[in-house]
Amino acid sequence: MSLLLQSLLDQPNFAPFKVFDSEISNQNNTYMDWKETSNAHIFEIDLPGLTKEDVKLELQENQVLHVSAERKAEPEMEDPKNETWHCRERESGSFSRNFRLPENVKVDEIKASMRDGVLVIAVPKEDLKKKHKLKKVEISGDDEGHAPKGLGRFVCFKA
């Protein structure tokens, strides 16, 4: 594999087939998976050590799903003489990510759950076959000389 391709694949935000726009506003390593099934978009976001009370999920302008969370630093002990840190790798700070939802989702039916530090968001999809039915619409107006009296003209379009 070429070095250029490998460097692209190693980028944390590289997703060549991504349908959703996403932005990361933190430097933490927060990992997520997104998959599309026949009836929903499923997001799974690793948020270890956080509870559902620490996470905020909002829908902005009916098209952007905003996920944010904050991991607070462990409070300092009153007597620092009795403590010695040997390793402290767990970071505190905030996490924020935005996903632009496609047009074929049911925003009123979004569900989320959190278990074992993993936030799962299910965004149901609309059935596009049902959404794009042909409809006939009658055009009213002056029919003199153009069509027999009593018959209207019809136009077909996809709804």
C-alpha atoms as a PDB file:
ATOM      1  CA  MET A   1       0.000   0.000   0.000  1.00  0.00           C
ATOM      2  CA  SER A   2       1.366   3.430  -0.879  1.00  0.00           C
ATOM      3  CA  LEU A   3       2.433   5.798   1.890  1.00  0.00           C
ATOM      4  CA  LEU A   4      -0.065   8.420   0.718  1.00  0.00           C
ATOM      5  CA  LEU A   5      -3.001   5.984   0.854  1.00  0.00           C
ATOM      6  CA  GLN A   6      -1.895   4.652   4.232  1.00  0.00           C
ATOM      7  CA  SER A   7      -1.605   8.202   5.631  1.00  0.00           C
ATOM      8  CA  LEU A   8      -5.163   8.955   4.425  1.00  0.00           C
ATOM      9  CA  LEU A   9      -6.526   5.782   5.991  1.00  0.00           C
ATOM     10  CA  ASP A  10      -4.777   6.613   9.261  1.00  0.00           C
ATOM     11  CA  GLN A  11      -6.592   9.966   9.504  1.00  0.00           C
ATOM     12  CA  PRO A  12      -9.204   9.852  12.297  1.00  0.00           C
ATOM     13  CA  ASN A  13     -11.881  11.590  10.171  1.00  0.00           C
ATOM     14  CA  PHE A  14     -11.210   9.837   6.857  1.00  0.00           C
ATOM     15  CA  ALA A  15     -14.410   8.249   5.553  1.00  0.00           C
ATOM     16  CA  PRO A  16     -14.517   8.113   1.739  1.00  0.00           C
ATOM     17  CA  PHE A  17     -18.074   6.744   1.544  1.00  0.00           C
ATOM     18  CA  LYS A  18     -19.591   8.900   4.277  1.00  0.00           C
ATOM     19  CA  VAL A  19     -23.151  10.153   3.731  1.00  0.00           C
ATOM     20  CA  PHE A  20     -23.212  12.246   6.884  1.00  0.00           C
ATOM     21  CA  ASP A  21     -21.145  15.328   7.609  1.00  0.00           C
ATOM     22  CA  SER A  22     -19.447  15.037  10.954  1.00  0.00           C
ATOM     23  CA  GLU A  23     -17.176  17.293  12.890  1.00  0.00           C
ATOM     24  CA  ILE A  24     -15.099  16.564  15.942  1.00  0.00           C
ATOM     25  CA  SER A  25     -14.579  19.505  18.273  1.00  0.00           C
ATOM     26  CA  ASN A  26     -12.240  17.769  20.687  1.00  0.00           C
ATOM     27  CA  GLN A  27      -8.834  16.175  20.536  1.00  0.00           C
ATOM     28  CA  ASN A  28      -9.897  13.086  22.498  1.00  0.00           C
ATOM     29  CA  ASN A  29     -10.016   9.682  20.868  1.00  0.00           C
ATOM     30  CA  THR A  30     -13.757   9.116  20.841  1.00  0.00           C
ATOM     31  CA  TYR A  31     -14.633   6.335  18.451  1.00  0.00           C
ATOM     32  CA  MET A  32     -17.896   5.730  16.660  1.00  0.00           C
ATOM     33  CA  ASP A  33     -19.421   3.366  14.135  1.00  0.00           C
ATOM     34  CA  TRP A  34     -22.206   4.142  11.714  1.00  0.00           C
ATOM     35  CA  LYS A  35     -24.117   1.606   9.704  1.00  0.00           C
ATOM     36  CA  GLU A  36     -27.162   1.774   7.498  1.00  0.00           C
ATOM     37  CA  THR A  37     -29.693  -1.014   7.555  1.00  0.00           C
ATOM     38  CA  SER A  38     -32.760  -1.406   5.365  1.00  0.00           C
ATOM     39  CA  ASN A  39     -34.869   0.570   7.832  1.00  0.00           C
ATOM     40  CA  ALA A  40     -32.504   2.781   9.912  1.00  0.00           C
ATOM     41  CA  HIS A  41     -29.171   4.518  10.364  1.00  0.00           C
ATOM     42  CA  ILE A  42     -27.438   3.221  13.509  1.00  0.00           C
ATOM     43  CA  PHE A  43     -24.727   5.163  15.352  1.00  0.00           C
ATOM     44  CA  GLU A  44     -22.664   3.578  18.127  1.00  0.00           C
ATOM     45  CA  ILE A  45     -20.386   5.990  19.996  1.00  0.00           C
ATOM     46  CA  ASP A  46     -17.904   4.871  22.653  1.00  0.00           C
ATOM     47  CA  LEU A  47     -18.167   7.107  25.710  1.00  0.00           C
ATOM     48  CA  PRO A  48     -16.464   5.080  28.446  1.00  0.00           C
ATOM     49  CA  GLY A  49     -16.971   6.249  31.989  1.00  0.00           C
ATOM     50  CA  LEU A  50     -19.962   8.434  31.082  1.00  0.00           C
ATOM     51  CA  THR A  51     -23.595   7.966  31.991  1.00  0.00           C
ATOM     52  CA  LYS A  52     -26.658   9.008  30.010  1.00  0.00           C
ATOM     53  CA  GLU A  53     -26.906  12.070  32.267  1.00  0.00           C
ATOM     54  CA  ASP A  54     -23.484  13.218  30.984  1.00  0.00           C
ATOM     55  CA  VAL A  55     -24.596  13.049  27.334  1.00  0.00           C
ATOM     56  CA  LYS A  56     -26.721  15.568  25.434  1.00  0.00           C
ATOM     57  CA  LEU A  57     -28.499  14.647  22.187  1.00  0.00           C
ATOM     58  CA  GLU A  58     -30.231  17.364  20.139  1.00  0.00           C
ATOM     59  CA  LEU A  59     -31.799  17.714  16.720  1.00  0.00           C
ATOM     60  CA  GLN A  60     -31.002  21.081  15.158  1.00  0.00           C
ATOM     61  CA  GLU A  61     -33.107  22.535  12.340  1.00  0.00           C
ATOM     62  CA  ASN A  62     -34.675  19.083  11.802  1.00  0.00           C
ATOM     63  CA  GLN A  63     -31.587  17.924   9.891  1.00  0.00           C
ATOM     64  CA  VAL A  64     -28.485  17.982  12.125  1.00  0.00           C
ATOM     65  CA  LEU A  65     -28.056  15.490  14.949  1.00  0.00           C
ATOM     66  CA  HIS A  66     -25.798  17.019  17.630  1.00  0.00           C
ATOM     67  CA  VAL A  67     -24.179  14.735  20.223  1.00  0.00           C
ATOM     68  CA  SER A  68     -22.161  16.238  23.077  1.00  0.00           C
ATOM     69  CA  ALA A  69     -20.812  15.050  26.401  1.00  0.00           C
ATOM     70  CA  GLU A  70     -18.488  16.181  29.124  1.00  0.00           C
ATOM     71  CA  ARG A  71     -16.125  14.108  31.184  1.00  0.00           C
ATOM     72  CA  LYS A  72     -15.273  15.959  34.376  1.00  0.00           C
ATOM     73  CA  ALA A  73     -11.851  15.730  35.962  1.00  0.00           C
ATOM     74  CA  GLU A  74     -11.556  13.707  39.130  1.00  0.00           C
ATOM     75  CA  PRO A  75     -11.746  16.081  42.106  1.00  0.00           C
ATOM     76  CA  GLU A  76      -8.505  16.711  43.940  1.00  0.00           C
ATOM     77  CA  MET A  77      -8.243  15.232  47.408  1.00  0.00           C
ATOM     78  CA  GLU A  78      -8.103  17.608  50.336  1.00  0.00           C
ATOM     79  CA  ASP A  79      -4.801  16.142  51.561  1.00  0.00           C
ATOM     80  CA  PRO A  80      -2.467  15.834  48.526  1.00  0.00           C
ATOM     81  CA  LYS A  81       0.363  14.585  50.772  1.00  0.00           C
ATOM     82  CA  ASN A  82      -1.314  11.154  50.952  1.00  0.00           C
ATOM     83  CA  GLU A  83      -1.629  10.766  47.157  1.00  0.00           C
ATOM     84  CA  THR A  84       0.871   9.912  44.495  1.00  0.00           C
ATOM     85  CA  TRP A  85      -0.191   9.653  40.873  1.00  0.00           C
ATOM     86  CA  HIS A  86       1.848   7.049  39.003  1.00  0.00           C
ATOM     87  CA  CYS A  87      -0.115   7.256  35.762  1.00  0.00           C
ATOM     88  CA  ARG A  88      -3.002   9.476  34.691  1.00  0.00           C
ATOM     89  CA  GLU A  89      -4.144   8.846  31.115  1.00  0.00           C
ATOM     90  CA  ARG A  90      -7.903   9.297  31.324  1.00  0.00           C
ATOM     91  CA  GLU A  91      -8.644  12.719  29.966  1.00  0.00           C
ATOM     92  CA  SER A  92     -11.331  15.126  31.041  1.00  0.00           C
ATOM     93  CA  GLY A  93     -13.011  17.510  28.651  1.00  0.00           C
ATOM     94  CA  SER A  94     -15.871  17.800  26.242  1.00  0.00           C
ATOM     95  CA  PHE A  95     -16.917  15.844  23.187  1.00  0.00           C
ATOM     96  CA  SER A  96     -19.103  17.133  20.376  1.00  0.00           C
ATOM     97  CA  ARG A  97     -20.075  15.684  17.038  1.00  0.00           C
ATOM     98  CA  ASN A  98     -22.608  16.732  14.387  1.00  0.00           C
ATOM     99  CA  PHE A  99     -24.226  14.523  11.764  1.00  0.00           C
ATOM    100  CA  ARG A 100     -26.164  15.969   8.845  1.00  0.00           C
ATOM    101  CA  LEU A 101     -29.071  13.588   8.384  1.00  0.00           C
ATOM    102  CA  PRO A 102     -30.233  12.622   4.902  1.00  0.00           C
ATOM    103  CA  GLU A 103     -33.711  13.592   3.743  1.00  0.00           C
ATOM    104  CA  ASN A 104     -35.190  10.103   4.056  1.00  0.00           C
ATOM    105  CA  VAL A 105     -35.218   9.879   7.876  1.00  0.00           C
ATOM    106  CA  LYS A 106     -38.043  10.063  10.386  1.00  0.00           C
ATOM    107  CA  VAL A 107     -36.721  12.701  12.786  1.00  0.00           C
ATOM    108  CA  ASP A 108     -39.735  12.317  15.083  1.00  0.00           C
ATOM    109  CA  GLU A 109     -38.845   8.664  15.729  1.00  0.00           C
ATOM    110  CA  ILE A 110     -35.151   8.943  16.704  1.00  0.00           C
ATOM    111  CA  LYS A 111     -34.303   6.698  19.672  1.00  0.00           C
ATOM    112  CA  ALA A 112     -31.176   6.536  21.821  1.00  0.00           C
ATOM    113  CA  SER A 113     -29.926   4.256  24.564  1.00  0.00           C
ATOM    114  CA  MET A 114     -26.744   3.980  26.580  1.00  0.00           C
ATOM    115  CA  ARG A 115     -25.247   0.839  28.056  1.00  0.00           C
ATOM    116  CA  ASP A 116     -21.750   0.029  29.262  1.00  0.00           C
ATOM    117  CA  GLY A 117     -20.411   3.375  28.029  1.00  0.00           C
ATOM    118  CA  VAL A 118     -21.743   2.963  24.480  1.00  0.00           C
ATOM    119  CA  LEU A 119     -24.338   5.395  23.143  1.00  0.00           C
ATOM    120  CA  VAL A 120     -26.550   3.812  20.467  1.00  0.00           C
ATOM    121  CA  ILE A 121     -28.674   6.118  18.315  1.00  0.00           C
ATOM    122  CA  ALA A 122     -31.241   4.676  15.889  1.00  0.00           C
ATOM    123  CA  VAL A 123     -32.539   7.002  13.172  1.00  0.00           C
ATOM    124  CA  PRO A 124     -35.406   5.286  11.293  1.00  0.00           C
ATOM    125  CA  LYS A 125     -35.632   5.741   7.519  1.00  0.00           C
ATOM    126  CA  GLU A 126     -38.725   6.492   5.476  1.00  0.00           C
ATOM    127  CA  ASP A 127     -39.661   4.060   2.749  1.00  0.00           C
ATOM    128  CA  LEU A 128     -38.742   5.942  -0.430  1.00  0.00           C
ATOM    129  CA  LYS A 129     -41.054   3.759  -2.531  1.00  0.00           C
ATOM    130  CA  LYS A 130     -44.033   4.995  -0.546  1.00  0.00           C
ATOM    131  CA  LYS A 131     -42.805   8.580  -0.529  1.00  0.00           C
ATOM    132  CA  HIS A 132     -42.470   8.868  -4.328  1.00  0.00           C
ATOM    133  CA  LYS A 133     -45.905   7.870  -5.599  1.00  0.00           C
ATOM    134  CA  LEU A 134     -47.279   9.231  -8.836  1.00  0.00           C
ATOM    135  CA  LYS A 135     -50.167  11.588  -8.280  1.00  0.00           C
ATOM    136  CA  LYS A 136     -52.570  13.046 -10.798  1.00  0.00           C
ATOM    137  CA  VAL A 137     -53.455  16.695 -10.379  1.00  0.00           C
ATOM    138  CA  GLU A 138     -56.252  18.242 -12.366  1.00  0.00           C
ATOM    139  CA  ILE A 139     -55.457  21.507 -14.098  1.00  0.00           C
ATOM    140  CA  SER A 140     -58.418  23.842 -14.157  1.00  0.00           C
ATOM    141  CA  GLY A 141     -58.887  26.777 -16.495  1.00  0.00           C
ATOM    142  CA  ASP A 142     -60.278  27.734 -19.835  1.00  0.00           C
ATOM    143  CA  ASP A 143     -60.979  24.542 -21.800  1.00  0.00           C
ATOM    144  CA  GLU A 144     -62.632  26.193 -24.833  1.00  0.00           C
ATOM    145  CA  GLY A 145     -61.271  24.808 -28.052  1.00  0.00           C
ATOM    146  CA  HIS A 146     -58.725  22.582 -26.327  1.00  0.00           C
ATOM    147  CA  ALA A 147     -60.670  19.662 -24.859  1.00  0.00           C
ATOM    148  CA  PRO A 148     -64.236  18.368 -24.758  1.00  0.00           C
ATOM    149  CA  LYS A 149     -66.360  20.130 -22.177  1.00  0.00           C
ATOM    150  CA  GLY A 150     -66.348  18.491 -18.760  1.00  0.00           C
ATOM    151  CA  LEU A 151     -62.936  16.845 -19.131  1.00  0.00           C
ATOM    152  CA  GLY A 152     -60.007  18.356 -17.310  1.00  0.00           C
ATOM    153  CA  ARG A 153     -56.355  17.974 -18.083  1.00  0.00           C
ATOM    154  CA  PHE A 154     -54.095  15.932 -15.822  1.00  0.00           C
ATOM    155  CA  VAL A 155     -50.402  16.156 -15.056  1.00  0.00           C
ATOM    156  CA  CYS A 156     -48.451  13.347 -13.407  1.00  0.00           C
ATOM    157  CA  PHE A 157     -45.496  13.993 -11.107  1.00  0.00           C
ATOM    158  CA  LYS A 158     -43.569  12.277  -8.383  1.00  0.00           C
ATOM    159  CA  ALA A 159     -44.570  13.349  -4.898  1.00  0.00           C
END
